[in-house]
Amino acid sequence: SAGPRNCIGQKYAMFEMKTILANVLRKFKVYSLDPRDKILVSA
């Protein structure tokens, strides 16, 4: 989001995501099995 009601934890989220991804990608190569047109999303 943005403005006065933006996400209060955006730095927290970025730190967490970077740490998880870095620890995974340092040790593994990842492969996705489905192209985007096969991924159905729900909001």
Full PDB file with SEQRES, HELIX, SHEET, SSBOND, CRYST1, ORIGX, SCALE, CONECT and MASTER records, all heavy atoms in Angstrom:
SEQRES   1 A   43  SER ALA GLY PRO ARG ASN CYS ILE GLY GLN LYS TYR ALA          
SEQRES   2 A   43  MET PHE GLU MET LYS THR ILE LEU ALA ASN VAL LEU ARG          
SEQRES   3 A   43  LYS PHE LYS VAL TYR SER LEU ASP PRO ARG ASP LYS ILE          
SEQRES   4 A   43  LEU VAL SER ALA                                              
HELIX    1 AA1 GLY A    3  ARG A    5  5                                   3    
HELIX    2 AA2 GLN A   10  LYS A   27  1                                  18    
HELIX    3 AA3 ARG A   36  LYS A   38  5                                   3    
CRYST1    1.000    1.000    1.000  90.00  90.00  90.00 P 1           1          
ORIGX1      1.000000  0.000000  0.000000        0.00000                         
ORIGX2      0.000000  1.000000  0.000000        0.00000                         
ORIGX3      0.000000  0.000000  1.000000        0.00000                         
SCALE1      1.000000  0.000000  0.000000        0.00000                         
SCALE2      0.000000  1.000000  0.000000        0.00000                         
SCALE3      0.000000  0.000000  1.000000        0.00000                         
ATOM      1  N   SER A   1       0.842  -1.186   0.000  1.00  0.00           N  
ATOM      2  CA  SER A   1       0.000   0.000   0.000  1.00  0.00           C  
ATOM      3  C   SER A   1       0.891   1.255   0.000  1.00  0.00           C  
ATOM      4  O   SER A   1       2.081   1.181  -0.341  1.00  0.00           O  
ATOM      5  CB  SER A   1      -0.966  -0.013   1.187  1.00  0.00           C  
ATOM      6  OG  SER A   1      -1.892   1.043   1.086  1.00  0.00           O  
ATOM      7  N   ALA A   2       0.335   2.407   0.378  1.00  0.00           N  
ATOM      8  CA  ALA A   2       1.079   3.663   0.378  1.00  0.00           C  
ATOM      9  C   ALA A   2       0.317   4.675   1.213  1.00  0.00           C  
ATOM     10  O   ALA A   2      -0.839   4.468   1.570  1.00  0.00           O  
ATOM     11  CB  ALA A   2       1.268   4.185  -1.051  1.00  0.00           C  
ATOM     12  N   GLY A   3       0.984   5.783   1.527  1.00  0.00           N  
ATOM     13  CA  GLY A   3       0.332   6.824   2.298  1.00  0.00           C  
ATOM     14  C   GLY A   3       0.293   6.507   3.782  1.00  0.00           C  
ATOM     15  O   GLY A   3       0.970   5.592   4.266  1.00  0.00           O  
ATOM     16  N   PRO A   4      -0.529   7.238   4.544  1.00  0.00           N  
ATOM     17  CA  PRO A   4      -0.539   7.077   6.005  1.00  0.00           C  
ATOM     18  C   PRO A   4      -0.964   5.692   6.471  1.00  0.00           C  
ATOM     19  O   PRO A   4      -0.601   5.267   7.565  1.00  0.00           O  
ATOM     20  CB  PRO A   4      -1.533   8.146   6.479  1.00  0.00           C  
ATOM     21  CG  PRO A   4      -2.357   8.486   5.285  1.00  0.00           C  
ATOM     22  CD  PRO A   4      -1.449   8.311   4.104  1.00  0.00           C  
ATOM     23  N   ARG A   5      -1.731   4.963   5.641  1.00  0.00           N  
ATOM     24  CA  ARG A   5      -2.180   3.638   6.061  1.00  0.00           C  
ATOM     25  C   ARG A   5      -1.407   2.539   5.329  1.00  0.00           C  
ATOM     26  O   ARG A   5      -1.929   1.447   5.082  1.00  0.00           O  
ATOM     27  CB  ARG A   5      -3.684   3.491   5.840  1.00  0.00           C  
ATOM     28  CG  ARG A   5      -4.276   2.342   6.634  1.00  0.00           C  
ATOM     29  CD  ARG A   5      -5.672   2.559   7.143  1.00  0.00           C  
ATOM     30  NE  ARG A   5      -6.003   1.498   8.092  1.00  0.00           N  
ATOM     31  CZ  ARG A   5      -7.096   1.464   8.840  1.00  0.00           C  
ATOM     32  NH1 ARG A   5      -7.973   2.450   8.767  1.00  0.00           N  
ATOM     33  NH2 ARG A   5      -7.313   0.471   9.678  1.00  0.00           N  
ATOM     34  N   ASN A   6      -0.157   2.813   5.015  1.00  0.00           N  
ATOM     35  CA  ASN A   6       0.653   1.782   4.369  1.00  0.00           C  
ATOM     36  C   ASN A   6       1.010   0.682   5.364  1.00  0.00           C  
ATOM     37  O   ASN A   6       0.744   0.797   6.561  1.00  0.00           O  
ATOM     38  CB  ASN A   6       1.927   2.399   3.766  1.00  0.00           C  
ATOM     39  CG  ASN A   6       2.886   2.889   4.838  1.00  0.00           C  
ATOM     40  OD1 ASN A   6       2.518   3.104   5.991  1.00  0.00           O  
ATOM     41  ND2 ASN A   6       4.123   3.092   4.470  1.00  0.00           N  
ATOM     42  N   CYS A   7       1.592  -0.382   4.863  1.00  0.00           N  
ATOM     43  CA  CYS A   7       1.918  -1.535   5.713  1.00  0.00           C  
ATOM     44  C   CYS A   7       2.999  -1.158   6.711  1.00  0.00           C  
ATOM     45  O   CYS A   7       4.107  -0.762   6.327  1.00  0.00           O  
ATOM     46  CB  CYS A   7       2.373  -2.712   4.851  1.00  0.00           C  
ATOM     47  SG  CYS A   7       2.942  -4.128   5.811  1.00  0.00           S  
ATOM     48  N   ILE A   8       2.702  -1.318   7.981  1.00  0.00           N  
ATOM     49  CA  ILE A   8       3.638  -0.941   9.037  1.00  0.00           C  
ATOM     50  C   ILE A   8       4.840  -1.883   9.077  1.00  0.00           C  
ATOM     51  O   ILE A   8       5.904  -1.541   9.579  1.00  0.00           O  
ATOM     52  CB  ILE A   8       2.905  -0.928  10.397  1.00  0.00           C  
ATOM     53  CG1 ILE A   8       3.729  -0.184  11.450  1.00  0.00           C  
ATOM     54  CG2 ILE A   8       2.596  -2.341  10.868  1.00  0.00           C  
ATOM     55  CD1 ILE A   8       2.961   0.033  12.745  1.00  0.00           C  
ATOM     56  N   GLY A   9       4.676  -3.086   8.517  1.00  0.00           N  
ATOM     57  CA  GLY A   9       5.731  -4.091   8.620  1.00  0.00           C  
ATOM     58  C   GLY A   9       6.447  -4.391   7.319  1.00  0.00           C  
ATOM     59  O   GLY A   9       6.979  -5.489   7.149  1.00  0.00           O  
ATOM     60  N   GLN A  10       6.508  -3.433   6.386  1.00  0.00           N  
ATOM     61  CA  GLN A  10       7.097  -3.739   5.085  1.00  0.00           C  
ATOM     62  C   GLN A  10       8.594  -4.025   5.165  1.00  0.00           C  
ATOM     63  O   GLN A  10       9.101  -4.887   4.441  1.00  0.00           O  
ATOM     64  CB  GLN A  10       6.804  -2.648   4.068  1.00  0.00           C  
ATOM     65  CG  GLN A  10       7.198  -1.240   4.442  1.00  0.00           C  
ATOM     66  CD  GLN A  10       6.716  -0.242   3.400  1.00  0.00           C  
ATOM     67  OE1 GLN A  10       7.214  -0.190   2.274  1.00  0.00           O  
ATOM     68  NE2 GLN A  10       5.728   0.542   3.757  1.00  0.00           N  
ATOM     69  N   LYS A  11       9.326  -3.341   6.044  1.00  0.00           N  
ATOM     70  CA  LYS A  11      10.751  -3.647   6.208  1.00  0.00           C  
ATOM     71  C   LYS A  11      10.924  -5.033   6.848  1.00  0.00           C  
ATOM     72  O   LYS A  11      11.815  -5.796   6.463  1.00  0.00           O  
ATOM     73  CB  LYS A  11      11.430  -2.577   7.065  1.00  0.00           C  
ATOM     74  CG  LYS A  11      11.593  -1.235   6.347  1.00  0.00           C  
ATOM     75  CD  LYS A  11      12.341  -0.244   7.216  1.00  0.00           C  
ATOM     76  CE  LYS A  11      12.526   1.083   6.483  1.00  0.00           C  
ATOM     77  NZ  LYS A  11      13.231   2.088   7.325  1.00  0.00           N  
ATOM     78  N   TYR A  12      10.092  -5.320   7.828  1.00  0.00           N  
ATOM     79  CA  TYR A  12      10.091  -6.643   8.451  1.00  0.00           C  
ATOM     80  C   TYR A  12       9.882  -7.709   7.382  1.00  0.00           C  
ATOM     81  O   TYR A  12      10.604  -8.716   7.328  1.00  0.00           O  
ATOM     82  CB  TYR A  12       8.975  -6.692   9.497  1.00  0.00           C  
ATOM     83  CG  TYR A  12       8.663  -8.057  10.073  1.00  0.00           C  
ATOM     84  CD1 TYR A  12       9.119  -8.420  11.336  1.00  0.00           C  
ATOM     85  CD2 TYR A  12       7.876  -8.977   9.379  1.00  0.00           C  
ATOM     86  CE1 TYR A  12       8.823  -9.658  11.884  1.00  0.00           C  
ATOM     87  CE2 TYR A  12       7.572 -10.220   9.914  1.00  0.00           C  
ATOM     88  CZ  TYR A  12       8.045 -10.554  11.162  1.00  0.00           C  
ATOM     89  OH  TYR A  12       7.747 -11.787  11.687  1.00  0.00           O  
ATOM     90  N   ALA A  13       8.885  -7.510   6.522  1.00  0.00           N  
ATOM     91  CA  ALA A  13       8.558  -8.492   5.484  1.00  0.00           C  
ATOM     92  C   ALA A  13       9.719  -8.688   4.523  1.00  0.00           C  
ATOM     93  O   ALA A  13      10.051  -9.826   4.149  1.00  0.00           O  
ATOM     94  CB  ALA A  13       7.305  -8.060   4.727  1.00  0.00           C  
ATOM     95  N   MET A  14      10.362  -7.594   4.126  1.00  0.00           N  
ATOM     96  CA  MET A  14      11.474  -7.707   3.176  1.00  0.00           C  
ATOM     97  C   MET A  14      12.665  -8.413   3.811  1.00  0.00           C  
ATOM     98  O   MET A  14      13.314  -9.254   3.174  1.00  0.00           O  
ATOM     99  CB  MET A  14      11.867  -6.329   2.662  1.00  0.00           C  
ATOM    100  CG  MET A  14      12.835  -6.365   1.492  1.00  0.00           C  
ATOM    101  SD  MET A  14      12.230  -7.274   0.033  1.00  0.00           S  
ATOM    102  CE  MET A  14      11.025  -6.117  -0.608  1.00  0.00           C  
ATOM    103  N   PHE A  15      12.956  -8.120   5.069  1.00  0.00           N  
ATOM    104  CA  PHE A  15      14.040  -8.820   5.778  1.00  0.00           C  
ATOM    105  C   PHE A  15      13.741 -10.316   5.841  1.00  0.00           C  
ATOM    106  O   PHE A  15      14.608 -11.156   5.579  1.00  0.00           O  
ATOM    107  CB  PHE A  15      14.183  -8.272   7.198  1.00  0.00           C  
ATOM    108  CG  PHE A  15      15.013  -7.023   7.315  1.00  0.00           C  
ATOM    109  CD1 PHE A  15      15.089  -6.107   6.270  1.00  0.00           C  
ATOM    110  CD2 PHE A  15      15.705  -6.745   8.473  1.00  0.00           C  
ATOM    111  CE1 PHE A  15      15.840  -4.954   6.383  1.00  0.00           C  
ATOM    112  CE2 PHE A  15      16.478  -5.596   8.597  1.00  0.00           C  
ATOM    113  CZ  PHE A  15      16.546  -4.696   7.550  1.00  0.00           C  
ATOM    114  N   GLU A  16      12.511 -10.646   6.208  1.00  0.00           N  
ATOM    115  CA  GLU A  16      12.136 -12.046   6.354  1.00  0.00           C  
ATOM    116  C   GLU A  16      12.207 -12.779   5.018  1.00  0.00           C  
ATOM    117  O   GLU A  16      12.775 -13.873   4.923  1.00  0.00           O  
ATOM    118  CB  GLU A  16      10.723 -12.151   6.929  1.00  0.00           C  
ATOM    119  CG  GLU A  16      10.239 -13.579   7.082  1.00  0.00           C  
ATOM    120  CD  GLU A  16       8.796 -13.663   7.546  1.00  0.00           C  
ATOM    121  OE1 GLU A  16       8.191 -12.615   7.857  1.00  0.00           O  
ATOM    122  OE2 GLU A  16       8.257 -14.794   7.595  1.00  0.00           O  
ATOM    123  N   MET A  17      11.625 -12.175   3.972  1.00  0.00           N  
ATOM    124  CA  MET A  17      11.615 -12.831   2.659  1.00  0.00           C  
ATOM    125  C   MET A  17      13.026 -13.015   2.124  1.00  0.00           C  
ATOM    126  O   MET A  17      13.364 -14.080   1.595  1.00  0.00           O  
ATOM    127  CB  MET A  17      10.745 -12.032   1.678  1.00  0.00           C  
ATOM    128  CG  MET A  17       9.260 -12.113   1.972  1.00  0.00           C  
ATOM    129  SD  MET A  17       8.217 -11.365   0.683  1.00  0.00           S  
ATOM    130  CE  MET A  17       8.588  -9.622   0.885  1.00  0.00           C  
ATOM    131  N   LYS A  18      13.859 -12.007   2.253  1.00  0.00           N  
ATOM    132  CA  LYS A  18      15.236 -12.125   1.776  1.00  0.00           C  
ATOM    133  C   LYS A  18      15.981 -13.241   2.501  1.00  0.00           C  
ATOM    134  O   LYS A  18      16.721 -14.016   1.885  1.00  0.00           O  
ATOM    135  CB  LYS A  18      15.980 -10.793   1.969  1.00  0.00           C  
ATOM    136  CG  LYS A  18      15.732  -9.747   0.910  1.00  0.00           C  
ATOM    137  CD  LYS A  18      16.645  -8.554   1.150  1.00  0.00           C  
ATOM    138  CE  LYS A  18      16.575  -7.537   0.037  1.00  0.00           C  
ATOM    139  NZ  LYS A  18      17.510  -6.410   0.258  1.00  0.00           N  
ATOM    140  N   THR A  19      15.797 -13.320   3.815  1.00  0.00           N  
ATOM    141  CA  THR A  19      16.503 -14.339   4.592  1.00  0.00           C  
ATOM    142  C   THR A  19      16.072 -15.736   4.180  1.00  0.00           C  
ATOM    143  O   THR A  19      16.907 -16.623   3.955  1.00  0.00           O  
ATOM    144  CB  THR A  19      16.257 -14.125   6.094  1.00  0.00           C  
ATOM    145  OG1 THR A  19      16.666 -12.805   6.468  1.00  0.00           O  
ATOM    146  CG2 THR A  19      17.045 -15.142   6.919  1.00  0.00           C  
ATOM    147  N   ILE A  20      14.760 -15.954   4.084  1.00  0.00           N  
ATOM    148  CA  ILE A  20      14.264 -17.272   3.689  1.00  0.00           C  
ATOM    149  C   ILE A  20      14.769 -17.631   2.299  1.00  0.00           C  
ATOM    150  O   ILE A  20      15.294 -18.740   2.071  1.00  0.00           O  
ATOM    151  CB  ILE A  20      12.721 -17.301   3.723  1.00  0.00           C  
ATOM    152  CG1 ILE A  20      12.202 -17.131   5.153  1.00  0.00           C  
ATOM    153  CG2 ILE A  20      12.200 -18.607   3.123  1.00  0.00           C  
ATOM    154  CD1 ILE A  20      10.702 -16.976   5.255  1.00  0.00           C  
ATOM    155  N   LEU A  21      14.624 -16.718   1.355  1.00  0.00           N  
ATOM    156  CA  LEU A  21      15.016 -17.000  -0.031  1.00  0.00           C  
ATOM    157  C   LEU A  21      16.515 -17.234  -0.149  1.00  0.00           C  
ATOM    158  O   LEU A  21      16.957 -18.148  -0.858  1.00  0.00           O  
ATOM    159  CB  LEU A  21      14.583 -15.845  -0.933  1.00  0.00           C  
ATOM    160  CG  LEU A  21      13.072 -15.747  -1.161  1.00  0.00           C  
ATOM    161  CD1 LEU A  21      12.699 -14.371  -1.703  1.00  0.00           C  
ATOM    162  CD2 LEU A  21      12.608 -16.835  -2.129  1.00  0.00           C  
ATOM    163  N   ALA A  22      17.296 -16.416   0.541  1.00  0.00           N  
ATOM    164  CA  ALA A  22      18.758 -16.570   0.450  1.00  0.00           C  
ATOM    165  C   ALA A  22      19.206 -17.904   1.029  1.00  0.00           C  
ATOM    166  O   ALA A  22      20.064 -18.593   0.454  1.00  0.00           O  
ATOM    167  CB  ALA A  22      19.457 -15.409   1.163  1.00  0.00           C  
ATOM    168  N   ASN A  23      18.635 -18.304   2.155  1.00  0.00           N  
ATOM    169  CA  ASN A  23      19.019 -19.588   2.744  1.00  0.00           C  
ATOM    170  C   ASN A  23      18.604 -20.757   1.866  1.00  0.00           C  
ATOM    171  O   ASN A  23      19.317 -21.759   1.780  1.00  0.00           O  
ATOM    172  CB  ASN A  23      18.406 -19.720   4.148  1.00  0.00           C  
ATOM    173  CG  ASN A  23      19.285 -19.103   5.225  1.00  0.00           C  
ATOM    174  OD1 ASN A  23      20.505 -19.120   5.126  1.00  0.00           O  
ATOM    175  ND2 ASN A  23      18.665 -18.541   6.248  1.00  0.00           N  
ATOM    176  N   VAL A  24      17.464 -20.640   1.193  1.00  0.00           N  
ATOM    177  CA  VAL A  24      17.029 -21.703   0.279  1.00  0.00           C  
ATOM    178  C   VAL A  24      17.895 -21.744  -0.965  1.00  0.00           C  
ATOM    179  O   VAL A  24      18.399 -22.802  -1.377  1.00  0.00           O  
ATOM    180  CB  VAL A  24      15.546 -21.517  -0.107  1.00  0.00           C  
ATOM    181  CG1 VAL A  24      15.162 -22.461  -1.245  1.00  0.00           C  
ATOM    182  CG2 VAL A  24      14.646 -21.752   1.106  1.00  0.00           C  
ATOM    183  N   LEU A  25      18.121 -20.595  -1.585  1.00  0.00           N  
ATOM    184  CA  LEU A  25      18.801 -20.552  -2.880  1.00  0.00           C  
ATOM    185  C   LEU A  25      20.307 -20.780  -2.767  1.00  0.00           C  
ATOM    186  O   LEU A  25      20.955 -21.136  -3.753  1.00  0.00           O  
ATOM    187  CB  LEU A  25      18.508 -19.218  -3.572  1.00  0.00           C  
ATOM    188  CG  LEU A  25      17.035 -19.028  -3.953  1.00  0.00           C  
ATOM    189  CD1 LEU A  25      16.771 -17.589  -4.370  1.00  0.00           C  
ATOM    190  CD2 LEU A  25      16.644 -19.994  -5.079  1.00  0.00           C  
ATOM    191  N   ARG A  26      20.872 -20.591  -1.587  1.00  0.00           N  
ATOM    192  CA  ARG A  26      22.293 -20.924  -1.410  1.00  0.00           C  
ATOM    193  C   ARG A  26      22.510 -22.431  -1.491  1.00  0.00           C  
ATOM    194  O   ARG A  26      23.604 -22.885  -1.846  1.00  0.00           O  
ATOM    195  CB  ARG A  26      22.797 -20.414  -0.054  1.00  0.00           C  
ATOM    196  CG  ARG A  26      23.069 -18.930  -0.004  1.00  0.00           C  
ATOM    197  CD  ARG A  26      23.904 -18.556   1.197  1.00  0.00           C  
ATOM    198  NE  ARG A  26      23.206 -18.728   2.464  1.00  0.00           N  
ATOM    199  CZ  ARG A  26      23.813 -18.669   3.659  1.00  0.00           C  
ATOM    200  NH1 ARG A  26      25.120 -18.484   3.730  1.00  0.00           N  
ATOM    201  NH2 ARG A  26      23.124 -18.806   4.767  1.00  0.00           N  
ATOM    202  N   LYS A  27      21.478 -23.209  -1.168  1.00  0.00           N  
ATOM    203  CA  LYS A  27      21.649 -24.665  -1.080  1.00  0.00           C  
ATOM    204  C   LYS A  27      20.886 -25.445  -2.144  1.00  0.00           C  
ATOM    205  O   LYS A  27      21.180 -26.619  -2.360  1.00  0.00           O  
ATOM    206  CB  LYS A  27      21.224 -25.132   0.308  1.00  0.00           C  
ATOM    207  CG  LYS A  27      22.113 -24.573   1.411  1.00  0.00           C  
ATOM    208  CD  LYS A  27      21.848 -25.229   2.750  1.00  0.00           C  
ATOM    209  CE  LYS A  27      22.833 -24.714   3.800  1.00  0.00           C  
ATOM    210  NZ  LYS A  27      22.629 -25.365   5.112  1.00  0.00           N  
ATOM    211  N   PHE A  28      19.913 -24.792  -2.784  1.00  0.00           N  
ATOM    212  CA  PHE A  28      19.090 -25.528  -3.746  1.00  0.00           C  
ATOM    213  C   PHE A  28      18.920 -24.755  -5.051  1.00  0.00           C  
ATOM    214  O   PHE A  28      18.892 -23.524  -5.058  1.00  0.00           O  
ATOM    215  CB  PHE A  28      17.689 -25.800  -3.177  1.00  0.00           C  
ATOM    216  CG  PHE A  28      17.663 -26.622  -1.938  1.00  0.00           C  
ATOM    217  CD1 PHE A  28      17.488 -26.021  -0.701  1.00  0.00           C  
ATOM    218  CD2 PHE A  28      17.812 -28.002  -1.992  1.00  0.00           C  
ATOM    219  CE1 PHE A  28      17.453 -26.773   0.456  1.00  0.00           C  
ATOM    220  CE2 PHE A  28      17.789 -28.760  -0.841  1.00  0.00           C  
ATOM    221  CZ  PHE A  28      17.613 -28.151   0.388  1.00  0.00           C  
ATOM    222  N   LYS A  29      18.790 -25.509  -6.105  1.00  0.00           N  
ATOM    223  CA  LYS A  29      18.281 -24.967  -7.349  1.00  0.00           C  
ATOM    224  C   LYS A  29      16.816 -25.380  -7.418  1.00  0.00           C  
ATOM    225  O   LYS A  29      16.472 -26.534  -7.126  1.00  0.00           O  
ATOM    226  CB  LYS A  29      19.049 -25.519  -8.555  1.00  0.00           C  
ATOM    227  CG  LYS A  29      18.671 -24.846  -9.860  1.00  0.00           C  
ATOM    228  CD  LYS A  29      19.628 -25.240 -10.974  1.00  0.00           C  
ATOM    229  CE  LYS A  29      19.281 -24.470 -12.248  1.00  0.00           C  
ATOM    230  NZ  LYS A  29      20.214 -24.806 -13.359  1.00  0.00           N  
ATOM    231  N   VAL A  30      15.939 -24.436  -7.781  1.00  0.00           N  
ATOM    232  CA  VAL A  30      14.504 -24.718  -7.743  1.00  0.00           C  
ATOM    233  C   VAL A  30      13.952 -24.786  -9.164  1.00  0.00           C  
ATOM    234  O   VAL A  30      14.424 -24.098 -10.079  1.00  0.00           O  
ATOM    235  CB  VAL A  30      13.744 -23.650  -6.920  1.00  0.00           C  
ATOM    236  CG1 VAL A  30      14.249 -23.639  -5.478  1.00  0.00           C  
ATOM    237  CG2 VAL A  30      13.880 -22.259  -7.532  1.00  0.00           C  
ATOM    238  N   TYR A  31      12.942 -25.632  -9.333  1.00  0.00           N  
ATOM    239  CA  TYR A  31      12.305 -25.829 -10.637  1.00  0.00           C  
ATOM    240  C   TYR A  31      10.785 -25.741 -10.466  1.00  0.00           C  
ATOM    241  O   TYR A  31      10.219 -26.404  -9.589  1.00  0.00           O  
ATOM    242  CB  TYR A  31      12.657 -27.197 -11.221  1.00  0.00           C  
ATOM    243  CG  TYR A  31      14.135 -27.431 -11.415  1.00  0.00           C  
ATOM    244  CD1 TYR A  31      14.909 -27.988 -10.395  1.00  0.00           C  
ATOM    245  CD2 TYR A  31      14.759 -27.110 -12.621  1.00  0.00           C  
ATOM    246  CE1 TYR A  31      16.267 -28.218 -10.566  1.00  0.00           C  
ATOM    247  CE2 TYR A  31      16.126 -27.344 -12.800  1.00  0.00           C  
ATOM    248  CZ  TYR A  31      16.871 -27.891 -11.776  1.00  0.00           C  
ATOM    249  OH  TYR A  31      18.217 -28.119 -11.940  1.00  0.00           O  
ATOM    250  N   SER A  32      10.140 -24.950 -11.302  1.00  0.00           N  
ATOM    251  CA  SER A  32       8.678 -24.854 -11.298  1.00  0.00           C  
ATOM    252  C   SER A  32       8.125 -25.775 -12.379  1.00  0.00           C  
ATOM    253  O   SER A  32       8.639 -25.814 -13.505  1.00  0.00           O  
ATOM    254  CB  SER A  32       8.239 -23.413 -11.548  1.00  0.00           C  
ATOM    255  OG  SER A  32       8.707 -22.565 -10.512  1.00  0.00           O  
ATOM    256  N   LEU A  33       7.075 -26.502 -12.048  1.00  0.00           N  
ATOM    257  CA  LEU A  33       6.568 -27.541 -12.939  1.00  0.00           C  
ATOM    258  C   LEU A  33       5.417 -27.085 -13.826  1.00  0.00           C  
ATOM    259  O   LEU A  33       5.066 -27.790 -14.776  1.00  0.00           O  
ATOM    260  CB  LEU A  33       6.124 -28.757 -12.109  1.00  0.00           C  
ATOM    261  CG  LEU A  33       7.206 -29.373 -11.212  1.00  0.00           C  
ATOM    262  CD1 LEU A  33       6.651 -30.591 -10.493  1.00  0.00           C  
ATOM    263  CD2 LEU A  33       8.444 -29.739 -12.015  1.00  0.00           C  
ATOM    264  N   ASP A  34       4.823 -25.921 -13.534  1.00  0.00           N  
ATOM    265  CA  ASP A  34       3.670 -25.468 -14.308  1.00  0.00           C  
ATOM    266  C   ASP A  34       3.903 -24.070 -14.859  1.00  0.00           C  
ATOM    267  O   ASP A  34       4.352 -23.179 -14.121  1.00  0.00           O  
ATOM    268  CB  ASP A  34       2.406 -25.451 -13.440  1.00  0.00           C  
ATOM    269  CG  ASP A  34       2.024 -26.838 -12.958  1.00  0.00           C  
ATOM    270  OD1 ASP A  34       1.853 -27.722 -13.816  1.00  0.00           O  
ATOM    271  OD2 ASP A  34       1.912 -27.040 -11.733  1.00  0.00           O  
ATOM    272  N   PRO A  35       3.575 -23.838 -16.138  1.00  0.00           N  
ATOM    273  CA  PRO A  35       3.669 -22.486 -16.692  1.00  0.00           C  
ATOM    274  C   PRO A  35       2.588 -21.595 -16.091  1.00  0.00           C  
ATOM    275  O   PRO A  35       1.640 -22.086 -15.456  1.00  0.00           O  
ATOM    276  CB  PRO A  35       3.439 -22.699 -18.194  1.00  0.00           C  
ATOM    277  CG  PRO A  35       2.622 -23.949 -18.269  1.00  0.00           C  
ATOM    278  CD  PRO A  35       3.081 -24.812 -17.130  1.00  0.00           C  
ATOM    279  N   ARG A  36       2.693 -20.304 -16.302  1.00  0.00           N  
ATOM    280  CA  ARG A  36       1.770 -19.363 -15.657  1.00  0.00           C  
ATOM    281  C   ARG A  36       0.323 -19.588 -16.077  1.00  0.00           C  
ATOM    282  O   ARG A  36      -0.596 -19.378 -15.275  1.00  0.00           O  
ATOM    283  CB  ARG A  36       2.178 -17.919 -15.960  1.00  0.00           C  
ATOM    284  CG  ARG A  36       3.322 -17.424 -15.087  1.00  0.00           C  
ATOM    285  CD  ARG A  36       3.584 -15.956 -15.300  1.00  0.00           C  
ATOM    286  NE  ARG A  36       2.414 -15.151 -15.012  1.00  0.00           N  
ATOM    287  CZ  ARG A  36       2.254 -13.903 -15.406  1.00  0.00           C  
ATOM    288  NH1 ARG A  36       3.188 -13.327 -16.147  1.00  0.00           N  
ATOM    289  NH2 ARG A  36       1.173 -13.228 -15.085  1.00  0.00           N  
ATOM    290  N   ASP A  37       0.096 -20.006 -17.332  1.00  0.00           N  
ATOM    291  CA  ASP A  37      -1.290 -20.174 -17.768  1.00  0.00           C  
ATOM    292  C   ASP A  37      -1.963 -21.383 -17.115  1.00  0.00           C  
ATOM    293  O   ASP A  37      -3.179 -21.579 -17.266  1.00  0.00           O  
ATOM    294  CB  ASP A  37      -1.387 -20.255 -19.291  1.00  0.00           C  
ATOM    295  CG  ASP A  37      -0.616 -21.436 -19.879  1.00  0.00           C  
ATOM    296  OD1 ASP A  37       0.022 -22.183 -19.102  1.00  0.00           O  
ATOM    297  OD2 ASP A  37      -0.651 -21.604 -21.101  1.00  0.00           O  
ATOM    298  N   LYS A  38      -1.196 -22.184 -16.390  1.00  0.00           N  
ATOM    299  CA  LYS A  38      -1.769 -23.318 -15.661  1.00  0.00           C  
ATOM    300  C   LYS A  38      -1.971 -23.008 -14.173  1.00  0.00           C  
ATOM    301  O   LYS A  38      -2.494 -23.835 -13.431  1.00  0.00           O  
ATOM    302  CB  LYS A  38      -0.862 -24.552 -15.793  1.00  0.00           C  
ATOM    303  CG  LYS A  38      -0.662 -25.032 -17.229  1.00  0.00           C  
ATOM    304  CD  LYS A  38      -1.968 -25.477 -17.862  1.00  0.00           C  
ATOM    305  CE  LYS A  38      -1.736 -26.019 -19.269  1.00  0.00           C  
ATOM    306  NZ  LYS A  38      -3.010 -26.424 -19.917  1.00  0.00           N  
ATOM    307  N   ILE A  39      -1.518 -21.819 -13.751  1.00  0.00           N  
ATOM    308  CA  ILE A  39      -1.660 -21.416 -12.353  1.00  0.00           C  
ATOM    309  C   ILE A  39      -2.916 -20.572 -12.205  1.00  0.00           C  
ATOM    310  O   ILE A  39      -2.986 -19.451 -12.709  1.00  0.00           O  
ATOM    311  CB  ILE A  39      -0.428 -20.617 -11.868  1.00  0.00           C  
ATOM    312  CG1 ILE A  39       0.844 -21.462 -11.988  1.00  0.00           C  
ATOM    313  CG2 ILE A  39      -0.641 -20.145 -10.435  1.00  0.00           C  
ATOM    314  CD1 ILE A  39       0.941 -22.601 -11.013  1.00  0.00           C  
ATOM    315  N   LEU A  40      -3.929 -21.117 -11.556  1.00  0.00           N  
ATOM    316  CA  LEU A  40      -5.171 -20.391 -11.311  1.00  0.00           C  
ATOM    317  C   LEU A  40      -5.099 -19.745  -9.937  1.00  0.00           C  
ATOM    318  O   LEU A  40      -4.740 -20.393  -8.951  1.00  0.00           O  
ATOM    319  CB  LEU A  40      -6.370 -21.338 -11.384  1.00  0.00           C  
ATOM    320  CG  LEU A  40      -6.550 -22.103 -12.700  1.00  0.00           C  
ATOM    321  CD1 LEU A  40      -7.752 -23.034 -12.609  1.00  0.00           C  
ATOM    322  CD2 LEU A  40      -6.698 -21.145 -13.872  1.00  0.00           C  
ATOM    323  N   VAL A  41      -5.430 -18.455  -9.880  1.00  0.00           N  
ATOM    324  CA  VAL A  41      -5.300 -17.726  -8.623  1.00  0.00           C  
ATOM    325  C   VAL A  41      -6.662 -17.334  -8.075  1.00  0.00           C  
ATOM    326  O   VAL A  41      -7.636 -17.201  -8.821  1.00  0.00           O  
ATOM    327  CB  VAL A  41      -4.421 -16.465  -8.781  1.00  0.00           C  
ATOM    328  CG1 VAL A  41      -3.008 -16.842  -9.170  1.00  0.00           C  
ATOM    329  CG2 VAL A  41      -5.023 -15.505  -9.798  1.00  0.00           C  
ATOM    330  N   SER A  42      -6.706 -17.144  -6.777  1.00  0.00           N  
ATOM    331  CA  SER A  42      -7.924 -16.729  -6.086  1.00  0.00           C  
ATOM    332  C   SER A  42      -7.578 -15.561  -5.185  1.00  0.00           C  
ATOM    333  O   SER A  42      -6.577 -15.598  -4.459  1.00  0.00           O  
ATOM    334  CB  SER A  42      -8.488 -17.889  -5.251  1.00  0.00           C  
ATOM    335  OG  SER A  42      -9.549 -17.458  -4.433  1.00  0.00           O  
ATOM    336  N   ALA A  43      -8.404 -14.526  -5.221  1.00  0.00           N  
ATOM    337  CA  ALA A  43      -8.172 -13.347  -4.390  1.00  0.00           C  
ATOM    338  C   ALA A  43      -9.073 -13.398  -3.166  1.00  0.00           C  
ATOM    339  O   ALA A  43     -10.195 -12.915  -3.184  1.00  0.00           O  
ATOM    340  CB  ALA A  43      -8.433 -12.075  -5.198  1.00  0.00           C  
TER     341      ALA A  43                                                      
MASTER        0    0    0    3    0    0    0    6  340    1    0    4          
END                                                                             
